Amino acid sequence: MRQARAVGAVIASLLLCVGTVLGTGPASAKDPLPVTYNFFAGIPNELATPGGSLPGANDWNCKPSPEHPEPVVLVHGTGGGAQTNWGTYVPLLANNGYCVYALNYGTIPGAPWPISAIGGFGPIEKSAAELSAFVDRVRKATGAKKVNIVGHSQGTLMPTYWIKFLGGADKVDKYVSLAPLWNGTNVAAAGELTTYAQALGIEQFQQDTIGLLCGACLQMSKGSDMMKRLQAGGILDPDITYTNIMTRFDELIVPYTSGSLRAANSTNIVVQDGCSQDYSEHAGIAGSRRAATFVLNALDPEHPRAVPCELALPFTG
């Protein structure tokens, strides 16, 4: 308990520091909503409305327009949250006429704020069930048959479990991924560590130890049982359109090409191709204006817009 309070104090301090830099007032409800291209743009709202929703998100009275008939569901990454991960994307998508929804999944049960503001720690199977229930609520509220998924990091992989094993295949049209990891990640040699643990017969010890902190973390390592299960028979669904947006500077998805999928219904994009000024890495890609424009074009390919090339810094975008 003492350790949990200490962790909470550290997280609260970090949130407060970022909030001081960006401002802590809630965003205006006026249209258009202000859009800040910065991965940390949602933290001030988490400080102002703990456990709430960003302005423009989770309006259960929103009705999709004929131009954008499918709601967008934002799926955060490990350690992210509905507000902290999507400060750029919620106002951007809402301003462009989408009904936008974001959930917190994989949070630590019973944890107080600010620990409750971060998620993606639960096992992928459990998180996928949470996503399934959330999407069904979105579909019921909006009357939409399908949704579009925009995910970041673990949020690019976890929905695949829902699609393959929990009945989500006929509920998704477009699947857009920021920093995806379709072949798992080998960060800090996680894939090799799992292989060695299996060979030494201590895999259960490894899983129990890391699983106490993050049930999904080892599942995302290259060659894990979860990755094998997701990849069996092909990770792609033939009736879903995939767009994979990667960064060469990704320090957590190693190699970054793990996010590439070769198929007729899949488009692979590296943000640095044609733009050496974009230094966004694993977090910053979710704040990069260039990456965000690729996302808008993936969601509405019939009305493509020019993709800018401008300086994007690591961590913030």
Protein backbone atom coordinates (compact mmCIF):
# COMPACT_ATOMS: atom_id res chain seq x y z
CA MET A 1 0.00 0.00 0.00
CA ARG A 2 2.87 2.36 0.88
CA GLN A 3 4.43 1.60 -2.52
CA ALA A 4 1.14 2.29 -4.32
CA ARG A 5 0.83 5.65 -2.54
CA ALA A 6 4.39 6.51 -3.54
CA VAL A 7 3.72 5.63 -7.18
CA GLY A 8 0.55 7.70 -7.08
CA ALA A 9 2.43 10.67 -5.66
CA VAL A 10 5.04 10.47 -8.42
CA ILE A 11 2.41 10.27 -11.15
CA ALA A 12 0.46 13.15 -9.63
CA SER A 13 3.62 15.26 -9.54
CA LEU A 14 4.36 14.51 -13.19
CA LEU A 15 0.81 15.35 -14.21
CA LEU A 16 0.96 18.59 -12.25
CA CYS A 17 4.26 19.58 -13.85
CA VAL A 18 2.96 18.96 -17.36
CA GLY A 19 -0.28 20.75 -16.49
CA THR A 20 1.70 23.78 -15.36
CA VAL A 21 3.47 23.88 -18.70
CA LEU A 22 0.38 23.44 -20.85
CA GLY A 23 -2.23 25.13 -18.65
CA THR A 24 -4.81 23.39 -16.49
CA GLY A 25 -8.05 24.94 -17.68
CA PRO A 26 -10.51 22.71 -19.53
CA ALA A 27 -10.77 23.19 -23.27
CA SER A 28 -13.56 25.35 -24.59
CA ALA A 29 -16.72 23.60 -25.67
CA LYS A 30 -17.04 26.00 -28.61
CA ASP A 31 -16.64 24.76 -32.13
CA PRO A 32 -13.97 24.33 -33.31
CA LEU A 33 -12.15 22.85 -30.37
CA PRO A 34 -8.51 23.90 -29.95
CA VAL A 35 -6.08 21.33 -31.32
CA THR A 36 -2.59 21.10 -29.83
CA TYR A 37 -0.10 18.84 -31.60
CA ASN A 38 1.55 17.52 -28.48
CA PHE A 39 1.31 14.04 -26.98
CA PHE A 40 0.77 15.55 -23.52
CA ALA A 41 -2.07 17.84 -24.61
CA GLY A 42 -4.73 15.80 -22.80
CA ILE A 43 -3.09 15.86 -19.36
CA PRO A 44 -4.45 19.29 -18.31
CA ASN A 45 -7.98 17.99 -18.79
CA GLU A 46 -7.21 14.90 -16.69
CA LEU A 47 -6.08 17.27 -13.96
CA ALA A 48 -9.22 19.37 -14.29
CA THR A 49 -11.67 16.46 -14.63
CA PRO A 50 -10.09 13.29 -13.18
CA GLY A 51 -11.50 10.20 -14.84
CA GLY A 52 -13.60 12.29 -17.22
CA SER A 53 -13.62 12.71 -20.97
CA LEU A 54 -11.88 15.19 -23.23
CA PRO A 55 -14.17 17.85 -24.73
CA GLY A 56 -15.49 16.38 -27.96
CA ALA A 57 -15.31 12.74 -26.77
CA ASN A 58 -17.92 10.32 -25.50
CA ASP A 59 -20.99 12.34 -26.43
CA TRP A 60 -23.59 9.58 -26.22
CA ASN A 61 -26.09 11.78 -28.05
CA CYS A 62 -23.80 12.22 -31.07
CA LYS A 63 -25.29 11.02 -34.34
CA PRO A 64 -22.88 10.26 -37.18
CA SER A 65 -23.18 12.45 -40.26
CA PRO A 66 -23.68 11.10 -43.80
CA GLU A 67 -20.11 12.23 -44.53
CA HIS A 68 -18.71 10.25 -41.59
CA PRO A 69 -21.25 7.54 -40.79
CA GLU A 70 -18.89 5.45 -38.64
CA PRO A 71 -17.87 6.57 -35.15
CA VAL A 72 -14.17 6.56 -34.28
CA VAL A 73 -13.07 4.60 -31.21
CA LEU A 74 -9.68 5.61 -29.81
CA VAL A 75 -7.71 2.83 -28.10
CA HIS A 76 -4.79 4.01 -25.96
CA GLY A 77 -1.47 2.29 -25.35
CA THR A 78 0.19 0.78 -22.29
CA GLY A 79 0.29 3.40 -19.54
CA GLY A 80 -2.05 5.66 -21.48
CA GLY A 81 -5.66 6.63 -20.90
CA ALA A 82 -8.76 8.07 -22.54
CA GLN A 83 -7.64 11.62 -21.79
CA THR A 84 -3.87 11.38 -21.42
CA ASN A 85 -3.29 9.58 -24.75
CA TRP A 86 -5.65 11.49 -27.02
CA GLY A 87 -5.29 15.22 -26.34
CA THR A 88 -4.53 15.83 -30.02
CA TYR A 89 -6.91 13.37 -31.64
CA VAL A 90 -10.20 13.98 -29.85
CA PRO A 91 -10.54 17.66 -30.82
CA LEU A 92 -9.03 17.05 -34.27
CA LEU A 93 -11.52 14.31 -35.12
CA ALA A 94 -14.46 16.11 -33.54
CA ASN A 95 -13.65 19.25 -35.53
CA ASN A 96 -13.67 17.13 -38.69
CA GLY A 97 -17.20 15.90 -38.04
CA TYR A 98 -16.63 12.52 -36.40
CA CYS A 99 -18.41 11.09 -33.39
CA VAL A 100 -15.40 10.30 -31.19
CA TYR A 101 -15.19 7.86 -28.29
CA ALA A 102 -12.31 6.87 -26.01
CA LEU A 103 -12.18 4.31 -23.21
CA ASN A 104 -9.87 3.50 -20.34
CA TYR A 105 -9.07 -0.21 -20.41
CA GLY A 106 -6.75 -2.45 -18.45
CA THR A 107 -6.66 -0.20 -15.39
CA ILE A 108 -5.59 -1.46 -11.96
CA PRO A 109 -8.77 -2.50 -10.09
CA GLY A 110 -9.59 -0.25 -7.16
CA ALA A 111 -6.63 2.05 -7.76
CA PRO A 112 -7.09 5.66 -6.68
CA TRP A 113 -6.47 8.60 -8.98
CA PRO A 114 -4.00 9.34 -10.51
CA ILE A 115 -3.09 5.65 -10.87
CA SER A 116 -6.61 5.08 -12.20
CA ALA A 117 -5.87 7.53 -15.04
CA ILE A 118 -3.46 5.11 -16.69
CA GLY A 119 -4.33 1.76 -18.22
CA GLY A 120 -3.25 -0.96 -20.59
CA PHE A 121 -1.84 -3.09 -17.77
CA GLY A 122 -4.37 -5.92 -17.79
CA PRO A 123 -4.03 -9.11 -19.86
CA ILE A 124 -4.94 -8.58 -23.50
CA GLU A 125 -7.86 -11.03 -23.27
CA LYS A 126 -9.47 -9.03 -20.47
CA SER A 127 -8.83 -5.68 -22.13
CA ALA A 128 -10.34 -6.97 -25.39
CA ALA A 129 -13.52 -7.88 -23.52
CA GLU A 130 -13.67 -4.32 -22.14
CA LEU A 131 -13.24 -2.94 -25.67
CA SER A 132 -15.98 -5.25 -26.94
CA ALA A 133 -18.48 -3.93 -24.39
CA PHE A 134 -17.48 -0.34 -25.10
CA VAL A 135 -17.86 -0.68 -28.87
CA ASP A 136 -21.27 -2.29 -28.44
CA ARG A 137 -22.31 0.70 -26.35
CA VAL A 138 -21.03 3.08 -29.05
CA ARG A 139 -22.89 1.20 -31.78
CA LYS A 140 -26.11 1.16 -29.79
CA ALA A 141 -25.94 4.87 -28.99
CA THR A 142 -25.06 5.99 -32.51
CA GLY A 143 -26.99 3.40 -34.51
CA ALA A 144 -23.84 2.64 -36.50
CA LYS A 145 -23.26 -0.89 -37.71
CA LYS A 146 -19.48 -0.49 -37.72
CA VAL A 147 -16.83 1.69 -36.10
CA ASN A 148 -13.36 2.80 -37.11
CA ILE A 149 -10.53 1.99 -34.72
CA VAL A 150 -7.59 4.34 -34.16
CA GLY A 151 -5.06 2.78 -31.81
CA HIS A 152 -1.67 3.63 -30.38
CA SER A 153 0.96 1.09 -29.26
CA GLN A 154 -0.85 -1.74 -27.42
CA GLY A 155 -4.04 -0.16 -28.72
CA THR A 156 -3.00 -1.26 -32.20
CA LEU A 157 -2.70 -4.90 -31.20
CA MET A 158 -5.25 -5.60 -28.47
CA PRO A 159 -8.31 -4.92 -30.71
CA THR A 160 -7.16 -7.80 -32.91
CA TYR A 161 -8.01 -10.23 -30.09
CA TRP A 162 -11.53 -8.77 -30.00
CA ILE A 163 -11.80 -9.03 -33.78
CA LYS A 164 -10.53 -12.61 -34.00
CA PHE A 165 -11.99 -14.20 -30.88
CA LEU A 166 -14.75 -12.02 -29.43
CA GLY A 167 -16.96 -11.31 -32.42
CA GLY A 168 -15.57 -7.95 -33.48
CA ALA A 169 -14.81 -8.83 -37.11
CA ASP A 170 -18.08 -7.52 -38.53
CA LYS A 171 -18.05 -4.38 -36.36
CA VAL A 172 -14.95 -2.66 -37.81
CA ASP A 173 -14.47 -0.91 -41.13
CA LYS A 174 -11.11 0.88 -40.88
CA TYR A 175 -8.30 0.03 -38.46
CA VAL A 176 -5.67 2.78 -38.17
CA SER A 177 -2.56 2.14 -36.09
CA LEU A 178 0.05 4.48 -34.63
CA ALA A 179 3.28 2.69 -33.67
CA PRO A 180 1.83 -0.78 -34.34
CA LEU A 181 3.48 -4.05 -33.33
CA TRP A 182 1.94 -6.78 -35.46
CA ASN A 183 5.00 -8.98 -34.99
CA GLY A 184 5.50 -8.12 -31.33
CA THR A 185 8.39 -6.14 -29.92
CA ASN A 186 11.90 -7.10 -28.92
CA VAL A 187 12.53 -4.03 -26.80
CA ALA A 188 15.19 -4.72 -24.19
CA ALA A 189 15.47 -8.17 -25.82
CA ALA A 190 12.04 -9.12 -24.44
CA GLY A 191 11.64 -11.77 -27.11
CA GLU A 192 14.96 -13.40 -26.29
CA LEU A 193 14.26 -13.22 -22.56
CA THR A 194 11.00 -15.09 -23.07
CA THR A 195 12.79 -17.75 -25.15
CA TYR A 196 15.51 -18.17 -22.53
CA ALA A 197 12.95 -18.37 -19.73
CA GLN A 198 11.14 -21.16 -21.59
CA ALA A 199 14.41 -23.05 -22.11
CA LEU A 200 15.34 -22.74 -18.43
CA GLY A 201 11.91 -23.76 -17.25
CA ILE A 202 11.33 -20.47 -15.41
CA GLU A 203 8.81 -18.95 -17.78
CA GLN A 204 6.10 -19.06 -15.12
CA PHE A 205 8.33 -17.17 -12.68
CA GLN A 206 9.01 -14.53 -15.31
CA GLN A 207 5.31 -14.20 -16.13
CA ASP A 208 4.31 -14.02 -12.47
CA THR A 209 6.89 -11.34 -11.69
CA ILE A 210 6.22 -9.01 -14.60
CA GLY A 211 2.53 -9.92 -14.62
CA LEU A 212 2.13 -8.31 -11.21
CA LEU A 213 2.85 -4.96 -12.84
CA CYS A 214 1.67 -5.43 -16.42
CA GLY A 215 -0.25 -8.46 -17.57
CA ALA A 216 -0.04 -7.40 -21.23
CA CYS A 217 3.67 -6.59 -21.40
CA LEU A 218 5.10 -10.07 -21.92
CA GLN A 219 2.16 -10.92 -24.17
CA MET A 220 3.41 -8.29 -26.62
CA SER A 221 6.94 -9.65 -26.85
CA LYS A 222 7.99 -11.29 -30.08
CA GLY A 223 7.31 -15.02 -30.07
CA SER A 224 5.03 -14.99 -27.02
CA ASP A 225 2.09 -17.38 -26.80
CA MET A 226 -0.27 -14.43 -27.30
CA MET A 227 1.55 -13.25 -30.43
CA LYS A 228 1.48 -16.78 -31.83
CA ARG A 229 -2.24 -17.04 -31.16
CA LEU A 230 -2.97 -13.69 -32.81
CA GLN A 231 -0.80 -14.51 -35.82
CA ALA A 232 -2.16 -18.02 -36.34
CA GLY A 233 -4.07 -18.08 -39.61
CA GLY A 234 -3.06 -14.48 -40.33
CA ILE A 235 -3.41 -11.41 -38.16
CA LEU A 236 -5.39 -9.45 -40.75
CA ASP A 237 -9.13 -9.67 -41.29
CA PRO A 238 -9.82 -9.61 -45.06
CA ASP A 239 -12.86 -7.35 -44.70
CA ILE A 240 -11.12 -4.60 -42.69
CA THR A 241 -8.93 -1.85 -44.17
CA TYR A 242 -5.66 -1.40 -42.26
CA THR A 243 -3.32 1.60 -42.16
CA ASN A 244 -0.06 1.22 -40.22
CA ILE A 245 1.80 4.42 -39.32
CA MET A 246 5.33 3.84 -38.02
CA THR A 247 8.33 5.88 -36.92
CA ARG A 248 11.97 4.95 -37.47
CA PHE A 249 12.75 6.36 -34.01
CA ASP A 250 10.44 4.04 -32.12
CA GLU A 251 12.32 2.99 -29.00
CA LEU A 252 9.64 0.59 -27.74
CA ILE A 253 8.60 -1.23 -30.91
CA VAL A 254 11.87 -2.87 -31.90
CA PRO A 255 12.31 -3.21 -34.76
CA TYR A 256 9.85 -0.53 -35.87
CA THR A 257 9.13 -2.62 -38.98
CA SER A 258 7.17 -4.94 -36.71
CA GLY A 259 4.33 -2.55 -37.51
CA SER A 260 4.37 -3.37 -41.22
CA LEU A 261 1.80 -5.66 -42.82
CA ARG A 262 1.93 -6.74 -46.45
CA ALA A 263 -1.52 -7.32 -47.85
CA ALA A 264 -3.89 -5.84 -50.40
CA ASN A 265 -6.01 -4.34 -47.60
CA SER A 266 -3.06 -2.87 -45.70
CA THR A 267 -1.12 0.38 -46.21
CA ASN A 268 2.24 0.93 -44.49
CA ILE A 269 3.51 4.44 -43.76
CA VAL A 270 6.75 5.59 -42.14
CA VAL A 271 6.42 9.23 -41.05
CA GLN A 272 10.07 10.00 -41.82
CA ASP A 273 9.73 8.91 -45.46
CA GLY A 274 9.80 12.22 -47.28
CA CYS A 275 10.17 14.23 -44.07
CA SER A 276 13.44 14.09 -42.16
CA GLN A 277 12.20 16.81 -39.77
CA ASP A 278 9.81 14.48 -37.98
CA TYR A 279 11.70 13.10 -34.99
CA SER A 280 8.65 11.72 -33.22
CA GLU A 281 9.26 8.40 -31.52
CA HIS A 282 6.88 5.99 -29.77
CA ALA A 283 4.96 8.59 -27.76
CA GLY A 284 5.50 11.59 -30.01
CA ILE A 285 3.91 9.92 -33.03
CA ALA A 286 0.56 10.42 -31.29
CA GLY A 287 1.24 14.18 -31.25
CA SER A 288 2.77 14.59 -34.71
CA ARG A 289 0.76 16.76 -37.13
CA ARG A 290 2.15 14.72 -40.02
CA ALA A 291 1.00 11.43 -38.50
CA ALA A 292 -2.38 12.94 -37.63
CA THR A 293 -2.92 13.97 -41.24
CA PHE A 294 -2.14 10.44 -42.37
CA VAL A 295 -4.82 9.27 -39.91
CA LEU A 296 -7.39 11.71 -41.30
CA ASN A 297 -6.63 10.51 -44.84
CA ALA A 298 -6.92 6.88 -43.79
CA LEU A 299 -10.35 7.53 -42.27
CA ASP A 300 -11.54 9.54 -45.29
CA PRO A 301 -9.53 8.39 -48.31
CA GLU A 302 -12.01 9.96 -50.75
CA HIS A 303 -11.05 13.45 -49.55
CA PRO A 304 -7.27 13.34 -49.05
CA ARG A 305 -5.47 16.39 -47.76
CA ALA A 306 -1.88 17.45 -48.22
CA VAL A 307 0.38 15.87 -45.60
CA PRO A 308 2.63 18.50 -43.99
CA CYS A 309 6.30 18.11 -43.21
CA GLU A 310 7.39 20.08 -40.17
CA LEU A 311 9.56 19.72 -37.10
CA ALA A 312 8.18 17.15 -34.67
CA LEU A 313 10.14 16.61 -31.48
CA PRO A 314 10.67 13.34 -29.61
CA PHE A 315 8.20 12.53 -26.83
CA THR A 316 5.85 15.42 -27.62
CA GLY A 317 5.44 15.32 -31.40
